[in-house]
Protein backbone atom coordinates (compact mmCIF):
# COMPACT_ATOMS: atom_id res chain seq x y z
CA THR A 1 -80.92 -142.10 152.76
CA GLU A 2 -80.91 -145.34 150.73
CA TRP A 3 -78.75 -146.52 147.85
CA ILE A 4 -77.08 -149.50 146.20
CA ASP A 5 -73.31 -149.32 146.62
CA PRO A 6 -72.08 -149.30 143.00
CA ASP A 7 -68.84 -151.06 143.94
CA THR A 8 -70.38 -153.92 145.89
CA GLY A 9 -74.04 -154.28 144.88
CA HIS A 10 -75.20 -154.16 148.50
CA ARG A 11 -78.07 -151.97 149.70
CA VAL A 12 -77.25 -149.30 152.30
CA ILE A 13 -79.86 -147.42 154.33
CA GLN A 14 -79.53 -144.50 156.72
CA LEU A 15 -81.22 -145.42 160.00
CA SER A 16 -80.79 -142.12 161.84
CA ARG A 17 -82.50 -138.84 160.99
CA GLU A 18 -80.71 -136.36 163.24
CA PRO A 19 -77.22 -135.18 162.17
CA GLY A 20 -74.64 -136.15 164.76
CA SER A 21 -76.26 -139.50 165.51
CA GLU A 22 -74.09 -142.49 166.39
CA SER A 23 -74.50 -146.18 167.13
CA LEU A 24 -72.89 -147.60 170.27
CA TYR A 25 -69.32 -148.81 170.64
CA PHE A 26 -68.79 -152.12 168.85
CA ASN A 27 -68.81 -154.36 171.95
CA LEU A 28 -71.74 -152.75 173.81
CA ASN A 29 -75.20 -154.27 173.45
CA PRO A 30 -77.58 -151.77 171.75
CA PHE A 31 -80.42 -154.22 171.01
CA THR A 32 -83.64 -154.96 172.89
CA PRO A 33 -84.02 -158.64 173.89
CA ASP A 34 -86.50 -159.29 171.06
CA GLY A 35 -83.97 -157.99 168.53
CA ARG A 36 -86.46 -155.56 167.03
CA LYS A 37 -85.02 -152.23 168.20
CA MET A 38 -81.62 -150.67 168.82
CA VAL A 39 -80.38 -147.66 170.76
CA ILE A 40 -78.61 -144.77 169.05
CA THR A 41 -77.35 -141.50 170.50
CA ALA A 42 -77.22 -137.85 169.44
CA SER A 43 -76.49 -134.55 171.13
CA SER A 44 -80.23 -134.10 171.75
CA GLY A 45 -80.65 -137.41 173.60
CA ILE A 46 -81.15 -141.15 173.22
CA SER A 47 -83.41 -142.78 170.63
CA LEU A 48 -84.61 -146.24 169.65
CA VAL A 49 -84.63 -147.32 166.00
CA ASN A 50 -87.18 -149.93 164.93
CA LEU A 51 -85.11 -152.25 162.73
CA GLN A 52 -88.20 -153.42 160.82
CA THR A 53 -89.97 -150.10 160.13
CA HIS A 54 -86.95 -147.77 160.59
CA GLU A 55 -89.07 -145.53 162.80
CA VAL A 56 -86.97 -143.46 165.22
CA GLU A 57 -88.41 -142.83 168.68
CA LYS A 58 -86.83 -140.37 171.11
CA ILE A 59 -86.52 -142.00 174.55
CA ILE A 60 -84.50 -139.46 176.53
CA GLU A 61 -84.20 -135.74 175.87
CA GLY A 62 -80.90 -134.07 176.70
CA ARG A 63 -77.33 -135.25 177.07
CA ALA A 64 -76.85 -138.71 178.51
CA HIS A 65 -74.19 -141.39 178.18
CA VAL A 66 -75.51 -144.86 177.30
CA ILE A 67 -73.90 -147.76 179.14
CA MET A 68 -75.81 -150.51 177.30
CA VAL A 69 -79.20 -152.16 176.85
CA GLY A 70 -79.95 -154.88 179.39
CA HIS A 71 -79.91 -158.41 177.97
CA LYS A 72 -82.83 -159.56 180.13
CA THR A 73 -85.29 -156.67 180.51
CA GLY A 74 -84.30 -154.39 177.64
CA GLN A 75 -83.98 -151.41 179.96
CA ILE A 76 -81.52 -148.79 178.79
CA TYR A 77 -78.80 -148.09 181.35
CA PHE A 78 -77.22 -144.65 181.15
CA VAL A 79 -75.33 -141.97 183.06
CA THR A 80 -76.70 -138.47 183.40
CA SER A 81 -75.83 -135.34 185.37
CA LYS A 82 -77.89 -132.98 187.46
CA ILE A 83 -77.15 -130.01 189.68
CA GLU A 84 -77.71 -130.45 193.41
CA ASN A 85 -76.95 -127.63 195.87
CA GLY A 86 -74.83 -125.89 193.27
CA ALA A 87 -72.75 -128.99 192.49
CA THR A 88 -72.97 -131.20 189.39
CA ASN A 89 -73.44 -134.85 190.28
CA ARG A 90 -73.57 -137.91 188.04
CA PHE A 91 -76.06 -140.74 188.39
CA VAL A 92 -76.48 -144.18 186.87
CA CYS A 93 -80.09 -144.60 185.79
CA ALA A 94 -82.24 -147.03 183.81
CA ILE A 95 -85.26 -146.32 181.65
CA ASP A 96 -87.95 -148.74 180.52
CA PRO A 97 -88.34 -147.98 176.78
CA LYS A 98 -91.99 -149.07 176.85
CA THR A 99 -93.27 -147.09 179.86
CA LYS A 100 -90.54 -144.39 179.83
CA ALA A 101 -90.25 -144.87 183.59
CA VAL A 102 -86.81 -143.86 184.87
CA ARG A 103 -85.21 -145.21 188.03
CA GLU A 104 -82.16 -143.71 189.67
CA ILE A 105 -79.71 -146.44 190.66
CA LEU A 106 -76.41 -145.05 191.87
CA LYS A 107 -74.78 -141.69 192.53
CA LEU A 108 -71.23 -141.73 191.20
CA PRO A 109 -68.45 -140.10 193.24
CA ARG A 110 -65.62 -138.48 191.33
CA GLY A 111 -63.32 -141.09 189.85
CA GLN A 112 -65.98 -143.79 189.72
CA GLU A 113 -67.28 -145.04 186.36
CA VAL A 114 -69.86 -147.70 185.46
CA SER A 115 -69.19 -149.47 182.16
CA THR A 116 -71.29 -152.62 182.00
CA VAL A 117 -74.37 -154.50 183.28
CA ASN A 118 -74.32 -158.25 183.84
CA ALA A 119 -76.38 -160.86 182.00
CA ASP A 120 -79.29 -161.07 184.45
CA GLU A 121 -79.17 -157.34 185.30
CA THR A 122 -78.44 -157.86 188.97
CA MET A 123 -75.06 -156.13 188.97
CA LEU A 124 -73.19 -153.14 187.58
CA GLY A 125 -69.48 -153.26 186.84
CA GLY A 126 -67.07 -150.35 186.86
CA THR A 127 -63.79 -148.83 187.95
CA ILE A 128 -62.60 -146.54 190.73
CA ILE A 129 -59.55 -144.37 190.22
CA GLU A 130 -57.66 -142.52 192.96
CA ARG A 131 -55.76 -139.36 192.04
CA THR A 132 -54.91 -135.98 193.54
CA ASP A 133 -54.48 -133.99 190.32
CA TRP A 134 -58.10 -133.67 189.18
CA GLY A 135 -58.43 -130.72 186.85
CA THR A 136 -54.72 -130.38 186.08
CA ASN A 137 -54.79 -132.70 183.06
CA ARG A 138 -57.32 -134.61 181.00
CA ASP A 139 -57.18 -138.38 180.75
CA PHE A 140 -58.78 -140.58 178.14
CA PHE A 141 -61.46 -142.93 179.48
CA GLY A 142 -62.89 -144.27 176.21
CA GLY A 143 -65.25 -142.88 173.58
CA GLY A 144 -63.20 -139.74 172.97
CA PRO A 145 -61.59 -140.65 169.63
CA ASN A 146 -64.97 -141.27 168.06
CA ARG A 147 -66.01 -137.63 168.37
CA ARG A 148 -63.01 -136.00 166.79
CA THR A 149 -63.11 -133.44 164.04
CA SER A 150 -63.94 -134.51 160.49
CA ASP A 151 -61.07 -132.40 159.13
CA PRO A 152 -58.35 -134.93 158.12
CA GLN A 153 -55.39 -132.73 159.06
CA SER A 154 -56.86 -131.89 162.47
CA ALA A 155 -57.85 -135.53 162.97
CA ASN A 156 -54.29 -136.70 162.35
CA ILE A 157 -53.00 -134.18 164.89
CA GLN A 158 -55.51 -135.46 167.42
CA ARG A 159 -54.49 -139.06 166.71
CA GLY A 160 -50.93 -138.07 167.57
CA LYS A 161 -52.14 -136.41 170.75
CA LYS A 162 -54.02 -139.54 171.72
CA GLY A 163 -50.88 -141.64 171.33
CA GLN A 164 -48.94 -139.22 173.51
CA MET A 165 -51.73 -139.15 176.07
CA MET A 166 -51.85 -142.95 176.21
CA GLU A 167 -48.14 -143.05 177.02
CA GLN A 168 -48.48 -140.36 179.70
CA ARG A 169 -51.55 -141.92 181.27
CA LEU A 170 -49.94 -145.36 181.50
CA ALA A 171 -46.91 -143.86 183.23
CA LYS A 172 -49.08 -142.17 185.90
CA ARG A 173 -49.87 -145.51 187.57
CA TYR A 174 -52.80 -144.15 189.53
CA PRO A 175 -54.26 -146.62 192.05
CA MET A 176 -57.33 -148.27 190.48
CA GLU A 177 -59.70 -151.10 191.24
CA LEU A 178 -62.74 -152.82 189.84
CA PHE A 179 -66.05 -152.64 191.64
CA PHE A 180 -69.37 -154.45 191.40
CA TYR A 181 -72.59 -152.84 192.55
CA ASN A 182 -75.38 -155.23 193.56
CA LEU A 183 -78.68 -153.86 192.27
CA LYS A 184 -80.69 -155.91 194.78
CA THR A 185 -78.78 -155.14 197.97
CA GLY A 186 -77.21 -151.79 197.09
CA LYS A 187 -73.84 -153.07 198.26
CA THR A 188 -70.53 -152.46 196.48
CA LYS A 189 -67.68 -154.98 196.29
CA LYS A 190 -64.20 -153.79 195.32
CA VAL A 191 -61.65 -156.18 193.77
CA ASN A 192 -58.31 -156.25 191.95
CA ARG A 193 -56.72 -153.17 193.48
CA CYS A 194 -53.63 -152.26 191.43
CA THR A 195 -51.84 -149.42 189.66
CA ASP A 196 -52.62 -150.68 186.17
CA TRP A 197 -54.91 -148.65 183.90
CA LEU A 198 -58.15 -150.64 183.81
CA GLY A 199 -60.84 -150.24 181.17
CA HIS A 200 -63.16 -151.71 178.52
CA LEU A 201 -65.23 -153.68 181.02
CA GLN A 202 -67.68 -156.20 179.52
CA PHE A 203 -69.75 -158.68 181.46
CA SER A 204 -70.25 -162.06 179.82
CA PRO A 205 -73.57 -162.08 177.91
CA THR A 206 -74.48 -165.40 179.59
CA ASP A 207 -72.53 -165.74 182.85
CA PRO A 208 -73.62 -163.00 185.32
CA ASP A 209 -70.51 -163.45 187.47
CA LEU A 210 -67.79 -163.25 184.81
CA LEU A 211 -66.18 -159.97 183.72
CA LEU A 212 -63.89 -159.30 180.77
CA PHE A 213 -61.68 -156.22 181.11
CA CYS A 214 -58.40 -154.84 179.85
CA HIS A 215 -55.18 -153.24 180.95
CA GLU A 216 -55.38 -150.03 178.92
CA GLY A 217 -52.42 -148.29 177.31
CA PRO A 218 -50.26 -148.71 174.21
CA TRP A 219 -50.91 -152.33 173.27
CA HIS A 220 -47.23 -153.25 172.88
CA LYS A 221 -46.59 -152.16 176.50
CA VAL A 222 -49.39 -154.03 178.30
CA ASP A 223 -50.75 -157.53 178.76
CA ARG A 224 -54.21 -156.38 177.82
CA ILE A 225 -57.00 -158.97 177.97
CA TRP A 226 -58.17 -160.37 181.33
CA THR A 227 -61.16 -161.99 183.01
CA ILE A 228 -62.18 -162.10 186.68
CA ARG A 229 -65.10 -163.43 188.73
CA THR A 230 -67.29 -160.97 190.62
CA ASP A 231 -66.04 -162.35 193.95
CA GLY A 232 -62.51 -161.31 192.93
CA SER A 233 -61.32 -164.84 192.17
CA HIS A 234 -59.90 -166.43 189.03
CA LEU A 235 -58.03 -163.42 187.67
CA LYS A 236 -56.82 -164.71 184.31
CA LEU A 237 -54.75 -163.34 181.42
CA ILE A 238 -56.48 -164.41 178.19
CA HIS A 239 -53.64 -163.85 175.72
CA GLN A 240 -49.95 -164.20 176.57
CA ARG A 241 -47.66 -162.69 173.93
CA ALA A 242 -44.91 -164.86 172.46
CA MET A 243 -42.86 -162.22 170.64
CA ILE A 244 -41.64 -158.66 171.04
CA MET A 245 -44.15 -156.09 169.69
CA GLU A 246 -46.95 -158.65 169.49
CA ILE A 247 -50.24 -156.90 170.29
CA ALA A 248 -53.78 -158.02 171.12
CA GLY A 249 -56.84 -155.95 171.89
CA HIS A 250 -60.32 -154.64 171.01
CA GLU A 251 -61.68 -157.75 172.67
CA PHE A 252 -65.32 -158.84 172.52
CA TRP A 253 -67.58 -161.73 173.54
CA SER A 254 -69.30 -164.24 171.29
CA ALA A 255 -73.07 -164.14 171.76
CA ASP A 256 -73.08 -167.50 173.56
CA GLY A 257 -70.44 -166.31 176.04
CA LYS A 258 -68.12 -169.21 175.21
CA THR A 259 -65.39 -167.36 173.32
CA ILE A 260 -63.46 -164.12 173.68
CA TRP A 261 -62.38 -162.76 170.27
CA TYR A 262 -59.78 -160.07 169.66
CA ASP A 263 -57.53 -158.31 167.16
CA LEU A 264 -54.10 -160.01 167.17
CA GLN A 265 -50.99 -158.80 165.34
CA THR A 266 -47.77 -160.86 165.23
CA PRO A 267 -45.96 -158.49 165.34
CA ARG A 268 -47.65 -155.10 165.43
CA GLY A 269 -48.57 -153.77 162.01
CA GLU A 270 -47.12 -156.75 160.10
CA ASP A 271 -49.21 -159.92 160.37
CA PHE A 272 -52.93 -159.84 161.13
CA TRP A 273 -55.33 -162.27 162.82
CA VAL A 274 -58.71 -162.38 164.53
CA ALA A 275 -58.06 -164.69 167.47
CA GLY A 276 -60.43 -166.49 169.81
CA CYS A 277 -60.06 -168.21 173.16
CA ASN A 278 -62.64 -170.67 174.49
CA ILE A 279 -62.89 -169.64 178.13
CA SER A 280 -63.88 -173.14 179.32
CA THR A 281 -61.45 -175.35 177.40
CA GLY A 282 -58.66 -172.88 176.64
CA GLU A 283 -58.79 -173.91 172.97
CA ARG A 284 -57.53 -171.21 170.63
CA THR A 285 -58.56 -170.37 167.08
CA TRP A 286 -56.77 -167.83 164.89
CA TYR A 287 -58.13 -166.60 161.55
CA HIS A 288 -55.64 -164.91 159.24
CA LEU A 289 -56.45 -161.85 157.13
CA GLN A 290 -54.66 -159.51 154.74
CA ARG A 291 -53.34 -156.02 155.48
CA ASP A 292 -56.12 -154.23 153.60
CA GLU A 293 -58.71 -156.34 155.45
CA TRP A 294 -57.52 -155.27 158.90
CA SER A 295 -60.23 -153.32 160.69
CA VAL A 296 -60.42 -150.93 163.60
CA HIS A 297 -63.01 -153.25 165.12
CA PHE A 298 -64.09 -156.77 164.29
CA ASN A 299 -67.31 -158.45 165.34
CA VAL A 300 -68.98 -161.85 165.18
CA SER A 301 -72.50 -162.78 164.13
CA PRO A 302 -75.00 -164.00 166.74
CA ASP A 303 -74.63 -167.60 165.54
CA GLY A 304 -70.83 -167.39 165.32
CA THR A 305 -70.63 -168.27 161.62
CA LEU A 306 -69.64 -164.88 160.19
CA PHE A 307 -67.42 -161.97 161.15
CA SER A 308 -67.44 -158.30 160.24
CA GLY A 309 -64.80 -155.61 159.96
CA ASP A 310 -65.12 -151.84 159.64
CA GLY A 311 -61.87 -151.23 157.76
CA GLY A 312 -59.23 -148.60 158.39
CA ASP A 313 -57.23 -145.85 156.71
CA GLU A 314 -53.58 -145.43 155.83
CA HIS A 315 -52.78 -143.62 159.09
CA MET A 316 -53.77 -146.56 161.30
CA VAL A 317 -51.69 -149.46 162.54
CA ALA A 318 -52.00 -151.57 159.37
CA HIS A 319 -51.14 -148.59 157.10
CA ALA A 320 -53.51 -150.05 154.52
CA ASP A 321 -53.76 -148.11 151.26
CA LYS A 322 -57.00 -149.84 150.26
CA GLY A 323 -58.61 -150.64 153.60
CA LYS A 324 -61.59 -148.28 153.67
CA TRP A 325 -64.46 -150.77 153.44
CA ILE A 326 -67.12 -152.40 155.55
CA TYR A 327 -66.24 -156.09 155.31
CA LEU A 328 -68.07 -159.37 155.73
CA PHE A 329 -65.74 -162.26 156.56
CA HIS A 330 -66.46 -165.93 155.88
CA PRO A 331 -64.16 -167.98 158.17
CA GLU A 332 -62.57 -171.22 157.02
CA LEU A 333 -60.57 -173.50 159.29
CA LEU A 334 -57.51 -175.16 157.76
CA ALA A 335 -57.56 -178.94 157.63
CA ASP A 336 -55.47 -180.86 160.16
CA ARG A 337 -53.36 -183.31 158.13
CA SER A 338 -51.19 -184.53 161.00
CA ALA A 339 -53.12 -187.84 160.97
CA GLY A 340 -52.66 -188.21 164.71
CA ASN A 341 -48.86 -188.31 164.50
CA ILE A 342 -48.49 -185.33 166.82
CA ASP A 343 -50.38 -184.13 169.86
CA THR A 344 -52.48 -181.18 168.67
CA SER A 345 -54.50 -180.77 171.86
CA LYS A 346 -52.54 -177.70 172.95
CA LEU A 347 -51.90 -176.22 169.53
CA ILE A 348 -53.70 -173.29 167.93
CA GLN A 349 -56.32 -174.13 165.32
CA THR A 350 -55.71 -171.80 162.38
CA GLY A 351 -57.87 -170.63 159.55
CA VAL A 352 -58.39 -167.83 157.07
CA PHE A 353 -61.00 -165.17 156.39
CA HIS A 354 -62.53 -164.93 152.93
CA SER A 355 -63.61 -161.31 152.64
CA GLU A 356 -66.56 -159.71 150.91
CA LYS A 357 -66.73 -155.93 150.53
CA LEU A 358 -70.09 -154.46 151.53
CA VAL A 359 -69.67 -150.66 151.58
CA ASN A 360 -67.08 -148.43 149.96
CA MET A 361 -65.93 -146.11 152.78
CA ALA A 362 -63.66 -143.93 150.63
CA LYS A 363 -65.58 -140.81 151.70
CA HIS A 364 -65.47 -141.76 155.38
CA ASP A 365 -63.00 -140.05 157.74
CA TYR A 366 -61.76 -142.72 160.14
CA ALA A 367 -61.34 -140.17 162.90
CA LEU A 368 -64.86 -141.49 163.54
CA GLU A 369 -64.55 -145.24 164.04
CA PRO A 370 -67.45 -147.08 162.32
CA ASN A 371 -67.91 -149.72 165.06
CA ALA A 372 -69.70 -152.24 162.83
CA MET A 373 -71.98 -154.88 164.35
CA PHE A 374 -74.46 -157.49 163.12
CA SER A 375 -78.18 -157.00 163.50
CA PRO A 376 -79.80 -159.73 165.66
CA ASP A 377 -81.48 -161.29 162.60
CA MET A 378 -78.10 -161.34 160.76
CA LYS A 379 -79.57 -159.58 157.73
CA TRP A 380 -77.64 -156.33 158.21
CA ILE A 381 -74.37 -154.91 159.46
CA ILE A 382 -74.94 -151.64 161.31
CA PHE A 383 -72.28 -148.93 161.52
CA ARG A 384 -71.79 -145.21 162.00
CA SER A 385 -70.21 -142.98 159.42
CA ASN A 386 -69.58 -139.39 158.33
CA LEU A 387 -69.52 -140.30 154.62
CA SER A 388 -72.32 -137.79 153.96
CA GLY A 389 -70.64 -135.05 156.00
CA SER A 390 -72.56 -135.45 159.29
CA ASN A 391 -72.36 -138.43 161.60
CA HIS A 392 -75.21 -140.88 160.98
CA VAL A 393 -76.10 -144.51 161.64
CA TYR A 394 -76.30 -146.80 158.62
CA ALA A 395 -77.08 -150.43 157.86
CA VAL A 396 -75.86 -152.48 154.90
CA GLU A 397 -77.78 -155.56 153.77
CA LEU A 398 -75.72 -158.75 153.71
CA LYS A 399 -77.71 -160.12 150.81
CA LYS A 400 -76.55 -158.61 147.55
CA THR A 401 -79.16 -156.85 145.44
CA GLU A 402 -80.26 -158.99 142.48
CA GLY A 403 -78.57 -158.09 139.21
CA LYS A 404 -75.71 -156.27 140.91
């Protein structure tokens, strides 16, 4: 449960105790407001890990889907099911991790999903899908690929099925819309009705009325990254492609809510960047990285000075032969030597990532995506892995062990 990685000299600890445990998706907040505890999940329920003592406390028994931890109160928002009059119904609930008091918030009709909670915890954000073929096929609504088999051959087959499913789902063009549920008034507002496949909703961590979402589907076939206000105004495309087969996705907020970061490839599978857009000024920053450094998910530290990557295997979009690592990236902006001779106000500021390998993931099967994220104190990068056989939650110390 604890070791020094012989290839990197960094200390790794296993935070979870129950096989099958996982940390949350890379862009969902799992941390309590004081930064001392984080939510993890397992088939038996939801637990909190004390990041100082590593004590694991079970909060909810039984199957439940975590939405996120509230930024303001630290309540854990989740979806659970219960049988009423012979029918299975789903409910959005919240639990206070200190008192264990649970409140039922919203009953979800079929086709309605809640994905995010806003910064001051006054509003839920989600999607509504309209379709007439329920039960005739299965669509992907996120989270599925992270629970695939650990058998590599079976995992590769499932990856192929996911790609086929993504194509089929995009072509369905079911009517969809965003909705916002006001926790104070109990009223629902619907916006942005369309036939695009909407997903990956993330409220700004600081602006309670700003939502980041995506047009889901094969990235080379969609304009993916968008923002919208909760009143339905200011619908905005964050990244406009400039070349055929350029892709952008796996978007996430900076902790201060000023920048949206994302994986950018120009074109797909050939040239790799982590790109950022300042939502107030429109200023853009692109950091370049090498093929083996490309990661399924990137993340940024709470103070914005460091980035992380969880690597990838040879079957993924970068086709990296030596990409199975947990990475720490030190960003460096390139100097502007134009000396004022050209107008750079609308140009992209470019830079590079200097990478440091933290954990050798050679034994990890990337059918389970590691979803690396920084701890609030920036001393650890937390990720999930099956490197020991079962899924567990791990943390690697950023500071290298002395003498290694």
